[in-house]
Protein backbone atom coordinates (compact mmCIF):
# COMPACT_ATOMS: atom_id res chain seq x y z
CA MET A 1 23.16 -17.17 -19.54
CA GLN A 2 22.30 -20.05 -21.86
CA ASN A 3 25.25 -22.13 -20.65
CA LEU A 4 24.62 -21.58 -16.93
CA PRO A 5 22.79 -24.13 -14.71
CA TRP A 6 19.08 -23.55 -15.19
CA VAL A 7 18.03 -24.00 -11.54
CA ASP A 8 19.88 -20.98 -10.17
CA CYS A 9 18.93 -18.83 -13.15
CA TYR A 10 15.26 -19.72 -12.95
CA MET A 11 14.99 -19.25 -9.18
CA GLN A 12 16.66 -15.87 -9.53
CA THR A 13 14.02 -14.96 -12.11
CA LEU A 14 11.23 -15.92 -9.69
CA ARG A 15 12.79 -13.76 -6.99
CA SER A 16 13.20 -10.82 -9.36
CA GLU A 17 9.49 -11.12 -10.22
CA ASN A 18 8.69 -10.88 -6.50
CA LYS A 19 7.11 -14.31 -6.40
CA SER A 20 6.38 -15.35 -2.83
CA GLU A 21 8.48 -18.03 -1.16
CA ASN A 22 5.53 -20.40 -1.31
CA THR A 23 5.16 -19.80 -5.06
CA GLN A 24 8.88 -20.37 -5.59
CA LYS A 25 8.73 -23.68 -3.71
CA SER A 26 5.55 -24.71 -5.52
CA TYR A 27 7.04 -24.01 -8.94
CA ALA A 28 10.32 -25.76 -8.13
CA SER A 29 8.64 -28.94 -6.85
CA GLY A 30 5.96 -28.98 -9.55
CA LEU A 31 8.42 -28.58 -12.43
CA ARG A 32 10.69 -31.43 -11.37
CA GLY A 33 8.20 -34.02 -12.61
CA LEU A 34 7.91 -32.27 -15.97
CA ILE A 35 11.64 -32.00 -16.55
CA GLU A 36 12.26 -35.59 -15.45
CA THR A 37 9.53 -36.99 -17.73
CA THR A 38 11.20 -39.22 -20.32
CA LEU A 39 10.35 -39.86 -23.94
CA PRO A 40 10.79 -43.31 -25.56
CA GLY A 41 14.47 -44.19 -25.79
CA GLU A 42 15.60 -41.67 -23.15
CA SER A 43 17.32 -42.69 -19.93
CA VAL A 44 16.03 -41.71 -16.49
CA PHE A 45 17.39 -38.44 -15.14
CA SER A 46 19.72 -38.55 -12.13
CA GLU A 47 19.90 -35.76 -9.56
CA ALA A 48 23.21 -34.66 -11.10
CA ASP A 49 21.58 -34.53 -14.55
CA PHE A 50 18.74 -32.43 -13.18
CA GLN A 51 20.96 -29.92 -11.37
CA GLY A 52 23.58 -29.73 -14.13
CA LEU A 53 21.20 -29.06 -16.99
CA SER A 54 22.03 -25.74 -18.68
CA VAL A 55 19.42 -23.22 -19.74
CA LEU A 56 20.05 -24.06 -23.41
CA ASP A 57 19.79 -27.81 -22.80
CA LEU A 58 16.57 -27.30 -20.87
CA ALA A 59 15.11 -25.18 -23.67
CA GLN A 60 15.81 -27.97 -26.14
CA ARG A 61 14.39 -30.59 -23.78
CA MET A 62 11.21 -28.53 -23.23
CA GLU A 63 10.37 -28.18 -26.93
CA PRO A 64 6.54 -27.92 -26.64
CA LEU A 65 5.68 -30.22 -29.55
CA ASN A 66 8.00 -33.16 -28.81
CA GLY A 67 5.37 -34.89 -26.65
CA ARG A 68 7.05 -34.46 -23.23
CA ILE A 69 4.54 -31.96 -21.88
CA ASP A 70 1.65 -34.10 -23.11
CA ARG A 71 3.00 -37.20 -21.32
CA TRP A 72 3.52 -35.16 -18.17
CA THR A 73 0.02 -33.65 -18.15
CA HIS A 74 -1.45 -37.12 -18.72
CA SER A 75 0.33 -38.30 -15.56
CA LEU A 76 -1.43 -35.53 -13.60
CA SER A 77 -4.92 -36.69 -14.49
CA ASP A 78 -5.66 -37.99 -10.98
CA LEU A 79 -4.90 -34.67 -9.28
CA ARG A 80 -7.57 -32.29 -8.05
CA PRO A 81 -8.38 -29.53 -10.55
CA THR A 82 -6.82 -26.83 -8.37
CA THR A 83 -3.57 -28.80 -8.00
CA TYR A 84 -3.53 -29.64 -11.72
CA ASN A 85 -3.98 -25.98 -12.63
CA ALA A 86 -1.20 -24.95 -10.27
CA ARG A 87 1.19 -27.38 -12.00
CA LEU A 88 0.15 -26.05 -15.40
CA ALA A 89 0.77 -22.49 -14.24
CA ALA A 90 4.32 -23.41 -13.24
CA ALA A 91 4.95 -25.15 -16.57
CA ARG A 92 3.51 -22.23 -18.53
CA HIS A 93 5.79 -19.82 -16.66
CA LEU A 94 8.85 -22.00 -17.34
CA LEU A 95 8.13 -22.27 -21.07
CA LYS A 96 7.62 -18.54 -21.37
CA TRP A 97 10.96 -18.00 -19.59
CA LEU A 98 12.63 -20.35 -22.05
CA GLY A 99 11.13 -18.49 -25.01
CA HIS A 100 8.64 -21.19 -25.97
CA ARG A 101 4.97 -20.80 -26.82
CA TRP A 102 2.47 -22.67 -24.68
CA PRO A 103 0.57 -25.37 -26.65
CA ASP A 104 -2.99 -24.23 -27.34
CA HIS A 105 -4.45 -27.69 -26.73
CA LEU A 106 -3.34 -27.72 -23.07
CA VAL A 107 -5.98 -25.87 -21.06
CA ARG A 108 -6.80 -25.47 -17.40
CA ALA A 109 -9.12 -27.97 -15.75
CA ARG A 110 -12.57 -26.71 -14.90
CA SER A 111 -13.15 -26.59 -11.18
CA GLY A 112 -16.28 -25.83 -9.23
CA LYS A 113 -16.40 -22.60 -7.29
CA ARG A 114 -15.21 -23.21 -3.74
CA LEU A 115 -16.28 -20.68 -1.15
CA PRO A 116 -13.68 -19.66 1.43
CA ARG A 117 -14.18 -21.41 4.76
CA THR A 118 -15.24 -19.29 7.72
CA LEU A 119 -16.10 -19.87 11.37
CA ASN A 120 -19.53 -19.06 12.74
CA LYS A 121 -19.93 -16.71 15.70
CA ARG A 122 -20.01 -19.51 18.27
CA GLU A 123 -16.84 -21.11 16.90
CA MET A 124 -15.09 -17.74 16.71
CA THR A 125 -16.00 -16.99 20.31
CA MET A 126 -14.53 -20.33 21.39
CA VAL A 127 -11.31 -19.63 19.48
CA LEU A 128 -10.92 -16.18 21.04
CA ASP A 129 -11.56 -17.66 24.48
CA ALA A 130 -9.00 -20.41 23.88
CA ALA A 131 -6.45 -17.82 22.72
CA ALA A 132 -7.05 -15.68 25.81
CA LYS A 133 -6.49 -18.69 28.09
CA SER A 134 -3.57 -20.16 26.12
CA GLU A 135 -0.21 -20.73 27.80
CA ASP A 136 1.39 -19.09 24.77
CA PRO A 137 1.23 -15.32 25.40
CA ALA A 138 1.45 -14.68 21.65
CA ALA A 139 -1.80 -16.56 20.94
CA SER A 140 -4.19 -13.75 21.79
CA ILE A 141 -2.35 -11.03 19.88
CA ILE A 142 -1.95 -13.24 16.79
CA VAL A 143 -5.60 -14.35 16.60
CA THR A 144 -6.96 -10.88 17.36
CA MET A 145 -4.66 -9.10 14.93
CA MET A 146 -5.43 -11.49 12.06
CA LEU A 147 -9.17 -11.44 12.74
CA ASP A 148 -9.36 -7.64 13.05
CA THR A 149 -7.00 -6.65 10.21
CA GLY A 150 -7.21 -9.43 7.61
CA LEU A 151 -3.42 -9.77 7.48
CA ARG A 152 -1.96 -12.80 5.73
CA VAL A 153 0.11 -15.09 7.93
CA SER A 154 3.31 -14.08 6.11
CA GLU A 155 2.47 -10.41 6.65
CA VAL A 156 1.88 -10.94 10.36
CA CYS A 157 5.21 -12.72 10.71
CA ASN A 158 7.07 -10.04 8.71
CA LEU A 159 5.62 -7.17 10.73
CA ASP A 160 8.27 -5.05 12.46
CA SER A 161 7.75 -2.87 15.52
CA ASN A 162 8.44 0.31 13.56
CA ASP A 163 5.69 -0.63 11.07
CA ILE A 164 3.09 -0.05 13.79
CA ASP A 165 1.66 3.39 14.55
CA LEU A 166 -0.17 3.19 17.87
CA GLU A 167 -1.29 6.82 17.78
CA ASP A 168 -2.88 6.37 14.38
CA GLY A 169 -4.14 2.86 15.21
CA SER A 170 -2.66 1.37 12.05
CA ALA A 171 0.24 -0.56 10.57
CA ARG A 172 1.96 -0.38 7.21
CA VAL A 173 2.48 -3.67 5.40
CA TYR A 174 5.55 -3.60 3.19
CA GLY A 175 5.99 -5.99 0.30
CA GLY A 176 2.72 -7.89 0.65
CA LYS A 177 1.65 -10.44 -1.93
CA GLY A 178 2.70 -9.16 -5.34
CA ASP A 179 5.11 -6.77 -3.58
CA LYS A 180 2.28 -4.32 -2.79
CA ASP A 181 2.37 -2.02 0.24
CA ARG A 182 -0.81 -1.10 2.11
CA ILE A 183 -2.23 0.20 5.38
CA VAL A 184 -4.20 -1.97 7.82
CA LEU A 185 -6.28 -0.51 10.63
CA PHE A 186 -6.54 -1.63 14.25
CA THR A 187 -9.67 -1.94 16.36
CA LYS A 188 -9.75 -0.95 20.01
CA ARG A 189 -9.52 -4.65 20.87
CA THR A 190 -6.37 -5.04 18.78
CA LEU A 191 -4.73 -2.00 20.39
CA GLU A 192 -5.44 -3.47 23.82
CA ARG A 193 -3.77 -6.75 22.80
CA ILE A 194 -0.78 -4.85 21.41
CA ASP A 195 -0.36 -2.93 24.69
CA ALA A 196 -0.43 -6.22 26.59
CA TRP A 197 2.07 -7.84 24.19
CA ILE A 198 4.72 -5.09 24.16
CA PRO A 199 6.16 -5.91 27.63
CA ILE A 200 6.32 -9.61 26.70
CA ARG A 201 8.07 -8.77 23.44
CA GLU A 202 10.61 -6.58 25.23
CA ALA A 203 11.45 -9.46 27.55
CA ARG A 204 11.96 -11.79 24.57
CA VAL A 205 13.86 -9.53 22.18
CA ARG A 206 17.47 -10.43 21.39
CA ASN A 207 20.13 -8.46 19.49
CA ASP A 208 17.83 -5.51 18.76
CA ASP A 209 15.57 -7.62 16.57
CA PHE A 210 12.90 -5.45 14.91
CA ALA A 211 10.36 -8.29 14.59
CA PHE A 212 7.11 -7.46 16.34
CA LEU A 213 6.10 -11.06 17.03
CA LEU A 214 8.80 -13.22 18.64
CA ASN A 215 8.72 -16.80 19.86
CA SER A 216 9.95 -17.90 23.29
CA ALA A 217 13.50 -18.20 21.90
CA GLY A 218 13.47 -14.55 20.83
CA ARG A 219 13.28 -15.32 17.11
CA ARG A 220 10.80 -13.97 14.58
CA LEU A 221 7.66 -16.08 14.31
CA GLN A 222 7.36 -18.15 11.13
CA PRO A 223 4.15 -19.12 9.26
CA ARG A 224 4.64 -22.79 10.15
CA GLY A 225 4.80 -21.89 13.84
CA VAL A 226 1.61 -19.85 13.55
CA GLN A 227 -0.19 -22.80 11.93
CA ARG A 228 0.94 -25.09 14.75
CA LEU A 229 -0.50 -22.54 17.18
CA MET A 230 -3.80 -22.59 15.25
CA ASP A 231 -3.90 -26.39 15.48
CA ARG A 232 -3.46 -26.23 19.25
CA LEU A 233 -6.12 -23.54 19.64
CA ALA A 234 -8.54 -25.55 17.48
CA THR A 235 -8.09 -28.55 19.78
CA GLU A 236 -8.60 -26.41 22.88
CA ALA A 237 -11.70 -24.83 21.33
CA GLY A 238 -13.14 -28.24 20.40
CA LEU A 239 -12.96 -27.65 16.64
CA PRO A 240 -12.13 -30.36 14.08
CA LYS A 241 -8.51 -30.55 12.98
CA GLY A 242 -7.80 -28.26 10.06
CA LYS A 243 -10.84 -26.04 10.55
CA LEU A 244 -8.84 -23.19 12.07
CA THR A 245 -6.12 -21.72 9.86
CA PRO A 246 -4.63 -18.24 9.46
CA HIS A 247 -6.49 -17.86 6.17
CA VAL A 248 -9.82 -18.76 7.81
CA LEU A 249 -9.34 -15.77 10.14
CA ARG A 250 -8.65 -13.59 7.10
CA HIS A 251 -11.88 -14.83 5.49
CA ASN A 252 -13.80 -14.08 8.68
CA PHE A 253 -12.43 -10.54 8.62
CA ALA A 254 -13.61 -10.00 5.04
CA THR A 255 -17.06 -11.52 5.44
CA GLY A 256 -17.59 -9.61 8.69
CA LEU A 257 -16.90 -6.31 6.91
CA LEU A 258 -19.23 -7.22 4.06
CA GLU A 259 -22.06 -8.20 6.37
CA ARG A 260 -21.68 -4.88 8.23
CA GLY A 261 -22.10 -2.92 5.00
CA ALA A 262 -18.53 -2.33 3.73
CA ASP A 263 -18.19 -2.01 -0.03
CA LEU A 264 -16.06 -4.36 -2.13
CA VAL A 265 -13.49 -1.72 -3.10
CA THR A 266 -12.75 -0.95 0.56
CA ILE A 267 -12.45 -4.65 1.39
CA GLN A 268 -10.20 -5.15 -1.64
CA ARG A 269 -7.81 -2.43 -0.43
CA LEU A 270 -7.76 -3.70 3.15
CA LEU A 271 -7.05 -7.27 2.02
CA GLY A 272 -4.43 -6.19 -0.52
CA HIS A 273 -6.09 -7.93 -3.48
CA SER A 274 -4.74 -6.83 -6.86
CA SER A 275 -8.04 -7.63 -8.57
CA ILE A 276 -11.54 -7.00 -7.28
CA ALA A 277 -12.55 -10.31 -8.89
CA THR A 278 -10.68 -12.03 -6.06
CA THR A 279 -12.65 -10.03 -3.49
CA ARG A 280 -15.98 -10.68 -5.20
CA VAL A 281 -16.03 -14.28 -3.95
CA TYR A 282 -17.10 -12.92 -0.56
CA LEU A 283 -20.39 -11.86 -2.10
CA GLU A 284 -21.13 -15.57 -2.47
CA ILE A 285 -20.52 -16.05 1.25
CA SER A 286 -22.78 -13.08 2.01
CA ASP A 287 -25.56 -14.62 -0.08
CA GLN A 288 -25.04 -17.91 1.72
CA THR A 289 -25.28 -16.15 5.09
CA LEU A 290 -28.43 -14.36 3.92
CA ARG A 291 -30.04 -17.68 3.06
CA GLU A 292 -29.07 -19.16 6.43
CA VAL A 293 -30.54 -16.19 8.32
CA TYR A 294 -33.69 -16.38 6.23
CA HIS A 295 -34.18 -20.10 6.88
CA ARG A 296 -33.57 -19.64 10.61
CA ALA A 297 -36.14 -16.86 10.70
CA GLN A 298 -38.66 -18.99 8.83
CA ALA A 299 -38.08 -21.93 11.16
CA THR A 300 -38.58 -19.67 14.19
CA ARG A 301 -41.84 -18.35 12.76
CA GLU A 302 -43.12 -21.88 12.17
CA LYS A 303 -42.28 -22.84 15.76
CA LEU A 304 -44.15 -19.81 17.07
CA GLU A 305 -47.17 -20.67 14.95
CA GLU A 306 -47.10 -24.27 16.19
CA ALA A 307 -46.86 -23.04 19.79
CA ALA A 308 -49.79 -20.69 19.25
CA THR A 309 -51.89 -23.50 17.83
CA ALA A 310 -50.99 -25.87 20.66
CA THR A 311 -51.85 -23.35 23.36
CA GLU A 312 -54.99 -21.98 21.70
CA LYS A 313 -57.55 -21.17 24.36
CA SER A 314 -61.35 -20.83 24.51
CA PRO A 315 -62.98 -17.34 24.62
CA ASP A 316 -63.71 -17.73 28.36
CA GLU A 317 -60.05 -18.51 29.08
CA LEU A 318 -58.94 -15.53 27.00
CA ILE A 319 -60.98 -13.14 29.17
CA GLU A 320 -58.99 -14.25 32.22
CA SER A 321 -55.64 -13.63 30.45
CA THR A 322 -53.79 -10.32 30.53
CA PRO A 323 -51.13 -8.99 28.17
CA SER A 324 -48.52 -9.23 30.89
CA THR A 325 -49.05 -12.95 31.37
CA SER A 326 -49.52 -13.92 27.74
CA SER A 327 -47.10 -16.58 26.48
CA LEU A 328 -46.87 -14.91 23.06
CA GLY A 329 -47.23 -11.33 24.18
CA ILE A 330 -49.72 -10.46 21.42
CA GLU A 331 -53.20 -10.81 23.03
């Protein structure tokens, strides 16, 4: 393999490791800058040079201690920590594939903990209403299914009709992130949306396509098309651009379960997380929600106390009052 073009060999390795399409694209684009980084005295790489590089030539070029990786990481200094770390992850994977050892002095950037974004109840109600009134008949089933099951956008798009068990009220997700299979459960609301969608799907289906969600041309929905739908629904619901995404609905699903008393292990299995550490971030959101509820309750109590003080009456006036007419209902 050492004399074969590295691009095809490396991409085949990513596919064999069941890396998602997004990960494959991210690695491919992120590594180009590293491989094209020049050392003093080297000429700039052409596209033909990049594509024609053999695995052996690339291994020699990526020698960890020749200074190329250091120059490349220095050029990434203006990136956000999360983006920087993603580029480092791609480079680390490439070096391991080439048989090199990652330099100990190159470490991940420290990034502050970012809580997943969620919609509040009012915003979620507006989104559901916009989906129900949308001209796109797929809008309601997509929003409801993602909100009630926690499916990733790729999993929703890859869902086939025979993956769904209406009698059991569930669906089997095959080859989720990390190539893991799992079961997701439907609510009564989701089952109602599925029943309403099936006749529309049957009118759209072409060539015995198994895809459950089809666009108006009869083709399987793609993640990019779902995001465009979310952008339209956000506008119709009066939300800022970018606030509604497929992943936001997934976060709402998880936080909703947690707030209703579900344990982390159950949420982990429903979301398809390989590590419970990934799921544990929702505890932070729960704590944040707890603080918000507490502060709202305290503010309400203060308003009631102010109202009681403002409407305080003399003893004579209190005799004329009755419990049924009391403004506070506590006399």
